[in-house]
Amino acid sequence: MLHIHQLNYQIKSKTLLNNIDLSIKPGELIAIVGPNGAGKSTLLSSIANELKYEAQTFQLKKKNISNFSANELPLYRAKFSQHHAAEINLKISEIVLMGRYPYFSNEPSSTDWEIVEKWMQKTETKHLEDREYEQLSGGEKQRLHLSRVFAQLENNINEKLLLLDEPLNNLDVAHQFKTLHLIQAFTKKNNAALVVLHDLNIASQFADRLLLLNKGSIEIFDIPQKVLTQERISKVYQYPCTITKHPITQLPIILFG
């Protein structure tokens, strides 16, 4: 579904991404993990075509990314960013409706509004409709923008790609897990998701594979059991850790210190 070979990105003489090879299949939830400055958000921005990277191969759905039209790409790929405008002079539901812009020219259809309501219900933001955007908490804004990107990819197209940069920021524990379950449900419909996460234990429990970045390069890209080893995590994060197993899933759990 997504195939990248030899992707590089640098600013002046500083290399931020070095020889990135990445292949993702439909149905996968991939967590991008690594210490601060490893290149996680930079990689996601490159995949979203927000940066001027260099790559030998960059294909989405077996098609060169450069061959997609500007109107076509938003139907296949959506990105959730960790930074949002502090002030948005729109009604709450209209912010979610922004995700439907690729589907209409002048006026949204009743279907567009139904999709907006659907995702506001799923992210538990429907009750915020009468509030001003500036009055929302960080977590409420986060869930609102999650509604927007999910609404954007609500279509009959097969094999869509969802890019999420730290979607759990500002969310309480319950909404963290509810959000991850929504992402999982999306991938199970023959789609894929690339998610930047800081919490290795959450990544271990939800991701099919982990992409561990270190200093702009891929340290390892594999299932959690092979990525999360005591030696590797202690080395990459430069802090001692112990690896144990989740009592129910038996997947790795990291204890630092």
C-alpha atoms as a PDB file:
ATOM      1  CA  MET A   1       0.000   0.000   0.000  1.00  0.00           C
ATOM      2  CA  LEU A   2       2.770   2.440   0.992  1.00  0.00           C
ATOM      3  CA  HIS A   3       6.246   1.753  -0.324  1.00  0.00           C
ATOM      4  CA  ILE A   4       9.202   4.076   0.298  1.00  0.00           C
ATOM      5  CA  HIS A   5      12.834   3.408  -0.590  1.00  0.00           C
ATOM      6  CA  GLN A   6      15.848   5.542   0.302  1.00  0.00           C
ATOM      7  CA  LEU A   7      14.017   8.596   1.607  1.00  0.00           C
ATOM      8  CA  ASN A   8      16.326  11.349   2.855  1.00  0.00           C
ATOM      9  CA  TYR A   9      15.695  14.793   4.248  1.00  0.00           C
ATOM     10  CA  GLN A  10      18.137  17.437   5.353  1.00  0.00           C
ATOM     11  CA  ILE A  11      18.178  21.105   6.292  1.00  0.00           C
ATOM     12  CA  LYS A  12      21.359  22.761   5.034  1.00  0.00           C
ATOM     13  CA  SER A  13      24.090  20.329   6.093  1.00  0.00           C
ATOM     14  CA  LYS A  14      22.096  18.582   8.829  1.00  0.00           C
ATOM     15  CA  THR A  15      20.543  15.227   7.928  1.00  0.00           C
ATOM     16  CA  LEU A  16      17.205  14.672   9.700  1.00  0.00           C
ATOM     17  CA  LEU A  17      16.124  11.498   7.885  1.00  0.00           C
ATOM     18  CA  ASN A  18      18.668   9.048   6.524  1.00  0.00           C
ATOM     19  CA  ASN A  19      17.951   6.234   4.030  1.00  0.00           C
ATOM     20  CA  ILE A  20      14.424   5.433   5.176  1.00  0.00           C
ATOM     21  CA  ASP A  21      12.960   2.224   3.710  1.00  0.00           C
ATOM     22  CA  LEU A  22       9.345   1.572   4.594  1.00  0.00           C
ATOM     23  CA  SER A  23       6.617  -0.758   3.330  1.00  0.00           C
ATOM     24  CA  ILE A  24       3.158  -0.906   4.895  1.00  0.00           C
ATOM     25  CA  LYS A  25       0.311  -3.234   4.029  1.00  0.00           C
ATOM     26  CA  PRO A  26      -3.447  -2.579   4.239  1.00  0.00           C
ATOM     27  CA  GLY A  27      -4.814  -3.556   7.634  1.00  0.00           C
ATOM     28  CA  GLU A  28      -1.730  -2.468   9.578  1.00  0.00           C
ATOM     29  CA  LEU A  29      -1.465  -0.036  12.463  1.00  0.00           C
ATOM     30  CA  ILE A  30       2.151   1.113  12.598  1.00  0.00           C
ATOM     31  CA  ALA A  31       3.479   3.060  15.583  1.00  0.00           C
ATOM     32  CA  ILE A  32       6.465   5.346  15.025  1.00  0.00           C
ATOM     33  CA  VAL A  33       8.453   5.521  18.269  1.00  0.00           C
ATOM     34  CA  GLY A  34      11.795   6.849  19.390  1.00  0.00           C
ATOM     35  CA  PRO A  35      13.403   9.447  21.675  1.00  0.00           C
ATOM     36  CA  ASN A  36      13.005  13.200  21.253  1.00  0.00           C
ATOM     37  CA  GLY A  37      14.677  14.408  18.078  1.00  0.00           C
ATOM     38  CA  ALA A  38      14.694  10.959  16.460  1.00  0.00           C
ATOM     39  CA  GLY A  39      12.775  12.233  13.416  1.00  0.00           C
ATOM     40  CA  LYS A  40       9.286  10.869  14.125  1.00  0.00           C
ATOM     41  CA  SER A  41       7.274  13.967  13.198  1.00  0.00           C
ATOM     42  CA  THR A  42       9.682  14.772  10.359  1.00  0.00           C
ATOM     43  CA  LEU A  43       9.070  11.344   8.835  1.00  0.00           C
ATOM     44  CA  LEU A  44       5.310  11.734   9.118  1.00  0.00           C
ATOM     45  CA  SER A  45       5.492  15.200   7.523  1.00  0.00           C
ATOM     46  CA  SER A  46       7.575  13.754   4.690  1.00  0.00           C
ATOM     47  CA  ILE A  47       5.003  11.038   4.044  1.00  0.00           C
ATOM     48  CA  ALA A  48       2.359  13.788   4.005  1.00  0.00           C
ATOM     49  CA  ASN A  49       4.399  15.651   1.342  1.00  0.00           C
ATOM     50  CA  GLU A  50       4.830  18.645   3.629  1.00  0.00           C
ATOM     51  CA  LEU A  51       8.626  18.612   3.263  1.00  0.00           C
ATOM     52  CA  LYS A  52      10.953  18.589   0.274  1.00  0.00           C
ATOM     53  CA  TYR A  53      12.529  15.185   0.811  1.00  0.00           C
ATOM     54  CA  GLU A  54      14.461  13.078  -1.679  1.00  0.00           C
ATOM     55  CA  ALA A  55      13.468   9.470  -2.344  1.00  0.00           C
ATOM     56  CA  GLN A  56      14.281   6.828  -4.920  1.00  0.00           C
ATOM     57  CA  THR A  57      10.785   5.364  -4.568  1.00  0.00           C
ATOM     58  CA  PHE A  58       7.631   6.764  -2.998  1.00  0.00           C
ATOM     59  CA  GLN A  59       4.476   4.889  -3.943  1.00  0.00           C
ATOM     60  CA  LEU A  60       0.963   4.869  -2.543  1.00  0.00           C
ATOM     61  CA  LYS A  61      -1.291   2.071  -3.785  1.00  0.00           C
ATOM     62  CA  LYS A  62       1.451   1.075  -6.275  1.00  0.00           C
ATOM     63  CA  LYS A  63       1.318   4.538  -7.850  1.00  0.00           C
ATOM     64  CA  ASN A  64       4.064   7.166  -7.669  1.00  0.00           C
ATOM     65  CA  ILE A  65       3.002   9.870  -5.248  1.00  0.00           C
ATOM     66  CA  SER A  66       3.823  12.543  -7.843  1.00  0.00           C
ATOM     67  CA  ASN A  67       1.210  11.067 -10.172  1.00  0.00           C
ATOM     68  CA  PHE A  68      -1.676  11.812  -7.816  1.00  0.00           C
ATOM     69  CA  SER A  69      -3.533  15.046  -8.493  1.00  0.00           C
ATOM     70  CA  ALA A  70      -3.964  17.645  -5.753  1.00  0.00           C
ATOM     71  CA  ASN A  71      -7.696  16.863  -5.670  1.00  0.00           C
ATOM     72  CA  GLU A  72      -7.168  13.112  -5.573  1.00  0.00           C
ATOM     73  CA  LEU A  73      -4.718  12.700  -2.680  1.00  0.00           C
ATOM     74  CA  PRO A  74      -7.037  13.963   0.125  1.00  0.00           C
ATOM     75  CA  LEU A  75      -9.420  11.117  -0.695  1.00  0.00           C
ATOM     76  CA  TYR A  76      -6.703   8.539  -0.016  1.00  0.00           C
ATOM     77  CA  ARG A  77      -4.601  10.133   2.699  1.00  0.00           C
ATOM     78  CA  ALA A  78      -5.293  12.351   5.716  1.00  0.00           C
ATOM     79  CA  LYS A  79      -2.984  13.743   8.358  1.00  0.00           C
ATOM     80  CA  PHE A  80      -3.621  14.723  11.961  1.00  0.00           C
ATOM     81  CA  SER A  81      -0.982  17.190  13.208  1.00  0.00           C
ATOM     82  CA  GLN A  82       0.037  17.780  16.804  1.00  0.00           C
ATOM     83  CA  HIS A  83      -0.188  21.565  16.400  1.00  0.00           C
ATOM     84  CA  HIS A  84      -3.423  23.402  15.612  1.00  0.00           C
ATOM     85  CA  ALA A  85      -4.381  27.051  15.273  1.00  0.00           C
ATOM     86  CA  ALA A  86      -5.125  28.656  18.625  1.00  0.00           C
ATOM     87  CA  GLU A  87      -8.130  30.490  17.197  1.00  0.00           C
ATOM     88  CA  ILE A  88     -10.505  29.197  14.540  1.00  0.00           C
ATOM     89  CA  ASN A  89     -13.442  31.425  13.680  1.00  0.00           C
ATOM     90  CA  LEU A  90     -15.811  28.587  12.809  1.00  0.00           C
ATOM     91  CA  LYS A  91     -18.585  26.723  14.560  1.00  0.00           C
ATOM     92  CA  ILE A  92     -17.502  23.468  16.169  1.00  0.00           C
ATOM     93  CA  SER A  93     -19.277  21.297  13.585  1.00  0.00           C
ATOM     94  CA  GLU A  94     -17.850  23.422  10.765  1.00  0.00           C
ATOM     95  CA  ILE A  95     -14.325  22.545  11.910  1.00  0.00           C
ATOM     96  CA  VAL A  96     -15.140  18.866  11.437  1.00  0.00           C
ATOM     97  CA  LEU A  97     -16.791  19.725   8.115  1.00  0.00           C
ATOM     98  CA  MET A  98     -13.377  20.914   6.886  1.00  0.00           C
ATOM     99  CA  GLY A  99     -12.585  17.235   6.442  1.00  0.00           C
ATOM    100  CA  ARG A 100     -15.360  17.060   3.829  1.00  0.00           C
ATOM    101  CA  TYR A 101     -14.003  19.934   1.693  1.00  0.00           C
ATOM    102  CA  PRO A 102     -12.586  17.531  -0.943  1.00  0.00           C
ATOM    103  CA  TYR A 103     -16.115  16.260  -1.588  1.00  0.00           C
ATOM    104  CA  PHE A 104     -18.038  19.443  -2.409  1.00  0.00           C
ATOM    105  CA  SER A 105     -17.522  22.780  -4.174  1.00  0.00           C
ATOM    106  CA  ASN A 106     -20.023  25.226  -2.713  1.00  0.00           C
ATOM    107  CA  GLU A 107     -22.455  23.636  -0.289  1.00  0.00           C
ATOM    108  CA  PRO A 108     -22.080  20.392   1.686  1.00  0.00           C
ATOM    109  CA  SER A 109     -24.640  17.687   1.055  1.00  0.00           C
ATOM    110  CA  SER A 110     -26.812  16.064   3.694  1.00  0.00           C
ATOM    111  CA  THR A 111     -24.419  13.099   3.502  1.00  0.00           C
ATOM    112  CA  ASP A 112     -21.490  15.361   4.416  1.00  0.00           C
ATOM    113  CA  TRP A 113     -23.338  16.607   7.490  1.00  0.00           C
ATOM    114  CA  GLU A 114     -24.321  13.046   8.438  1.00  0.00           C
ATOM    115  CA  ILE A 115     -20.656  12.036   8.328  1.00  0.00           C
ATOM    116  CA  VAL A 116     -19.708  15.042  10.463  1.00  0.00           C
ATOM    117  CA  GLU A 117     -22.296  14.054  13.062  1.00  0.00           C
ATOM    118  CA  LYS A 118     -21.223  10.409  12.938  1.00  0.00           C
ATOM    119  CA  TRP A 119     -17.623  11.208  13.786  1.00  0.00           C
ATOM    120  CA  MET A 120     -18.495  13.785  16.409  1.00  0.00           C
ATOM    121  CA  GLN A 121     -20.549  11.086  18.098  1.00  0.00           C
ATOM    122  CA  LYS A 122     -17.715   8.574  17.840  1.00  0.00           C
ATOM    123  CA  THR A 123     -15.154  10.999  19.328  1.00  0.00           C
ATOM    124  CA  GLU A 124     -17.642  12.211  21.957  1.00  0.00           C
ATOM    125  CA  THR A 125     -17.550  15.824  20.785  1.00  0.00           C
ATOM    126  CA  LYS A 126     -21.180  16.222  19.700  1.00  0.00           C
ATOM    127  CA  HIS A 127     -22.122  17.865  23.007  1.00  0.00           C
ATOM    128  CA  LEU A 128     -19.562  20.640  22.332  1.00  0.00           C
ATOM    129  CA  GLU A 129     -21.490  22.091  19.366  1.00  0.00           C
ATOM    130  CA  ASP A 130     -22.690  25.193  21.212  1.00  0.00           C
ATOM    131  CA  ARG A 131     -19.261  26.067  22.603  1.00  0.00           C
ATOM    132  CA  GLU A 132     -16.675  28.434  21.141  1.00  0.00           C
ATOM    133  CA  TYR A 133     -13.467  26.782  19.919  1.00  0.00           C
ATOM    134  CA  GLU A 134     -11.372  28.919  22.286  1.00  0.00           C
ATOM    135  CA  GLN A 135     -13.411  27.597  25.216  1.00  0.00           C
ATOM    136  CA  LEU A 136     -12.474  23.978  24.560  1.00  0.00           C
ATOM    137  CA  SER A 137      -9.823  22.157  26.548  1.00  0.00           C
ATOM    138  CA  GLY A 138      -6.746  20.768  24.843  1.00  0.00           C
ATOM    139  CA  GLY A 139      -8.215  17.280  24.891  1.00  0.00           C
ATOM    140  CA  GLU A 140     -11.530  18.443  23.456  1.00  0.00           C
ATOM    141  CA  LYS A 141      -9.747  20.235  20.604  1.00  0.00           C
ATOM    142  CA  GLN A 142      -7.700  17.100  20.004  1.00  0.00           C
ATOM    143  CA  ARG A 143     -10.811  14.936  19.674  1.00  0.00           C
ATOM    144  CA  LEU A 144     -12.462  17.521  17.427  1.00  0.00           C
ATOM    145  CA  HIS A 145      -9.571  17.434  14.953  1.00  0.00           C
ATOM    146  CA  LEU A 146      -9.572  13.644  15.091  1.00  0.00           C
ATOM    147  CA  SER A 147     -13.207  13.822  13.985  1.00  0.00           C
ATOM    148  CA  ARG A 148     -12.124  15.992  11.066  1.00  0.00           C
ATOM    149  CA  VAL A 149      -9.505  13.569   9.697  1.00  0.00           C
ATOM    150  CA  PHE A 150     -11.772  10.552  10.116  1.00  0.00           C
ATOM    151  CA  ALA A 151     -14.549  12.441   8.312  1.00  0.00           C
ATOM    152  CA  GLN A 152     -12.114  13.216   5.494  1.00  0.00           C
ATOM    153  CA  LEU A 153     -11.490   9.533   4.796  1.00  0.00           C
ATOM    154  CA  GLU A 154     -15.143   8.502   5.032  1.00  0.00           C
ATOM    155  CA  ASN A 155     -15.652   7.266   1.463  1.00  0.00           C
ATOM    156  CA  ASN A 156     -15.920   4.061  -0.566  1.00  0.00           C
ATOM    157  CA  ILE A 157     -12.289   4.094  -1.677  1.00  0.00           C
ATOM    158  CA  ASN A 158     -10.261   1.039  -0.726  1.00  0.00           C
ATOM    159  CA  GLU A 159      -6.882   1.156   1.037  1.00  0.00           C
ATOM    160  CA  LYS A 160      -6.660   4.605   2.615  1.00  0.00           C
ATOM    161  CA  LEU A 161      -3.789   5.931   4.726  1.00  0.00           C
ATOM    162  CA  LEU A 162      -4.213   7.781   8.016  1.00  0.00           C
ATOM    163  CA  LEU A 163      -1.238   9.731   9.411  1.00  0.00           C
ATOM    164  CA  LEU A 164      -1.436  10.789  13.057  1.00  0.00           C
ATOM    165  CA  ASP A 165       1.197  12.833  14.880  1.00  0.00           C
ATOM    166  CA  GLU A 166       0.836  12.312  18.632  1.00  0.00           C
ATOM    167  CA  PRO A 167      -2.976  11.961  18.599  1.00  0.00           C
ATOM    168  CA  LEU A 168      -3.071  11.085  22.319  1.00  0.00           C
ATOM    169  CA  ASN A 169      -1.715  14.438  23.521  1.00  0.00           C
ATOM    170  CA  ASN A 170      -3.956  16.105  26.131  1.00  0.00           C
ATOM    171  CA  LEU A 171      -6.313  13.104  26.258  1.00  0.00           C
ATOM    172  CA  ASP A 172      -7.247  11.411  29.513  1.00  0.00           C
ATOM    173  CA  VAL A 173      -6.656   7.668  29.818  1.00  0.00           C
ATOM    174  CA  ALA A 174     -10.171   6.691  28.724  1.00  0.00           C
ATOM    175  CA  HIS A 175     -10.071   8.832  25.590  1.00  0.00           C
ATOM    176  CA  GLN A 176      -6.564   7.625  24.750  1.00  0.00           C
ATOM    177  CA  PHE A 177      -7.821   4.066  24.561  1.00  0.00           C
ATOM    178  CA  LYS A 178     -11.066   5.023  22.809  1.00  0.00           C
ATOM    179  CA  THR A 179      -9.039   6.886  20.180  1.00  0.00           C
ATOM    180  CA  LEU A 180      -6.741   3.927  19.604  1.00  0.00           C
ATOM    181  CA  HIS A 181      -9.724   1.622  19.219  1.00  0.00           C
ATOM    182  CA  LEU A 182     -11.134   3.988  16.565  1.00  0.00           C
ATOM    183  CA  ILE A 183      -7.805   3.871  14.732  1.00  0.00           C
ATOM    184  CA  GLN A 184      -7.737   0.084  14.969  1.00  0.00           C
ATOM    185  CA  ALA A 185     -11.278  -0.149  13.605  1.00  0.00           C
ATOM    186  CA  PHE A 186     -10.217   2.061  10.675  1.00  0.00           C
ATOM    187  CA  THR A 187      -7.266  -0.186   9.794  1.00  0.00           C
ATOM    188  CA  LYS A 188      -9.385  -3.333   9.967  1.00  0.00           C
ATOM    189  CA  LYS A 189     -11.404  -2.023   7.002  1.00  0.00           C
ATOM    190  CA  ASN A 190      -8.409  -2.681   4.715  1.00  0.00           C
ATOM    191  CA  ASN A 191      -6.791   0.673   5.502  1.00  0.00           C
ATOM    192  CA  ALA A 192      -3.520   1.563   7.208  1.00  0.00           C
ATOM    193  CA  ALA A 193      -2.468   4.000   9.915  1.00  0.00           C
ATOM    194  CA  LEU A 194       0.917   5.467  10.828  1.00  0.00           C
ATOM    195  CA  VAL A 195       0.842   6.873  14.360  1.00  0.00           C
ATOM    196  CA  VAL A 196       3.555   8.761  16.227  1.00  0.00           C
ATOM    197  CA  LEU A 197       3.406   7.673  19.881  1.00  0.00           C
ATOM    198  CA  HIS A 198       5.584   8.475  22.882  1.00  0.00           C
ATOM    199  CA  ASP A 199       4.235   5.805  25.204  1.00  0.00           C
ATOM    200  CA  LEU A 200       6.045   2.586  24.319  1.00  0.00           C
ATOM    201  CA  ASN A 201       3.672   0.477  26.378  1.00  0.00           C
ATOM    202  CA  ILE A 202       0.588   1.772  24.587  1.00  0.00           C
ATOM    203  CA  ALA A 203       2.391   1.305  21.264  1.00  0.00           C
ATOM    204  CA  SER A 204       3.235  -2.267  22.219  1.00  0.00           C
ATOM    205  CA  GLN A 205      -0.393  -3.144  22.978  1.00  0.00           C
ATOM    206  CA  PHE A 206      -1.993  -1.582  19.894  1.00  0.00           C
ATOM    207  CA  ALA A 207       0.497  -1.566  17.007  1.00  0.00           C
ATOM    208  CA  ASP A 208       0.976  -4.445  14.589  1.00  0.00           C
ATOM    209  CA  ARG A 209       4.547  -3.276  14.051  1.00  0.00           C
ATOM    210  CA  LEU A 210       6.801  -0.655  15.614  1.00  0.00           C
ATOM    211  CA  LEU A 211       9.076   1.639  13.628  1.00  0.00           C
ATOM    212  CA  LEU A 212      11.845   2.620  16.041  1.00  0.00           C
ATOM    213  CA  LEU A 213      13.728   5.719  14.906  1.00  0.00           C
ATOM    214  CA  ASN A 214      17.043   6.875  16.306  1.00  0.00           C
ATOM    215  CA  LYS A 215      18.913   9.960  15.103  1.00  0.00           C
ATOM    216  CA  GLY A 216      16.981  10.062  11.838  1.00  0.00           C
ATOM    217  CA  SER A 217      17.530   6.413  10.897  1.00  0.00           C
ATOM    218  CA  ILE A 218      15.467   3.277  11.340  1.00  0.00           C
ATOM    219  CA  GLU A 219      16.864   1.261  14.227  1.00  0.00           C
ATOM    220  CA  ILE A 220      14.414  -1.587  13.613  1.00  0.00           C
ATOM    221  CA  PHE A 221      10.975  -2.063  12.053  1.00  0.00           C
ATOM    222  CA  ASP A 222       9.268  -5.178  13.348  1.00  0.00           C
ATOM    223  CA  ILE A 223       6.656  -6.634  15.707  1.00  0.00           C
ATOM    224  CA  PRO A 224       6.700  -5.326  19.307  1.00  0.00           C
ATOM    225  CA  GLN A 225       8.268  -8.516  20.691  1.00  0.00           C
ATOM    226  CA  LYS A 226      11.343  -8.038  18.492  1.00  0.00           C
ATOM    227  CA  VAL A 227      11.634  -4.253  18.832  1.00  0.00           C
ATOM    228  CA  LEU A 228      11.149  -3.896  22.577  1.00  0.00           C
ATOM    229  CA  THR A 229      14.178  -5.639  24.035  1.00  0.00           C
ATOM    230  CA  GLN A 230      16.030  -4.484  27.132  1.00  0.00           C
ATOM    231  CA  GLU A 231      19.334  -3.968  25.357  1.00  0.00           C
ATOM    232  CA  ARG A 232      17.890  -2.043  22.403  1.00  0.00           C
ATOM    233  CA  ILE A 233      15.524   0.253  24.317  1.00  0.00           C
ATOM    234  CA  SER A 234      18.136   1.037  26.975  1.00  0.00           C
ATOM    235  CA  LYS A 235      20.626   1.935  24.226  1.00  0.00           C
ATOM    236  CA  VAL A 236      18.291   4.043  22.066  1.00  0.00           C
ATOM    237  CA  TYR A 237      16.701   5.946  24.973  1.00  0.00           C
ATOM    238  CA  GLN A 238      19.978   6.072  26.908  1.00  0.00           C
ATOM    239  CA  TYR A 239      18.247   4.998  30.096  1.00  0.00           C
ATOM    240  CA  PRO A 240      18.074   1.603  31.805  1.00  0.00           C
ATOM    241  CA  CYS A 241      14.912  -0.420  31.488  1.00  0.00           C
ATOM    242  CA  THR A 242      13.428  -3.801  32.252  1.00  0.00           C
ATOM    243  CA  ILE A 243      11.131  -5.715  29.922  1.00  0.00           C
ATOM    244  CA  THR A 244       8.255  -7.746  31.294  1.00  0.00           C
ATOM    245  CA  LYS A 245       4.996  -9.053  29.786  1.00  0.00           C
ATOM    246  CA  HIS A 246       1.449  -7.787  29.948  1.00  0.00           C
ATOM    247  CA  PRO A 247      -0.462 -10.294  32.134  1.00  0.00           C
ATOM    248  CA  ILE A 248      -3.291 -10.626  29.578  1.00  0.00           C
ATOM    249  CA  THR A 249      -1.840  -9.989  26.109  1.00  0.00           C
ATOM    250  CA  GLN A 250       1.688 -11.243  26.890  1.00  0.00           C
ATOM    251  CA  LEU A 251       3.043  -8.362  24.827  1.00  0.00           C
ATOM    252  CA  PRO A 252       6.129  -6.494  26.082  1.00  0.00           C
ATOM    253  CA  ILE A 253       5.836  -3.909  28.863  1.00  0.00           C
ATOM    254  CA  ILE A 254       8.751  -1.551  29.554  1.00  0.00           C
ATOM    255  CA  LEU A 255       9.678  -0.431  33.042  1.00  0.00           C
ATOM    256  CA  PHE A 256      12.206   2.389  33.117  1.00  0.00           C
ATOM    257  CA  GLY A 257      14.545   3.011  35.991  1.00  0.00           C
END
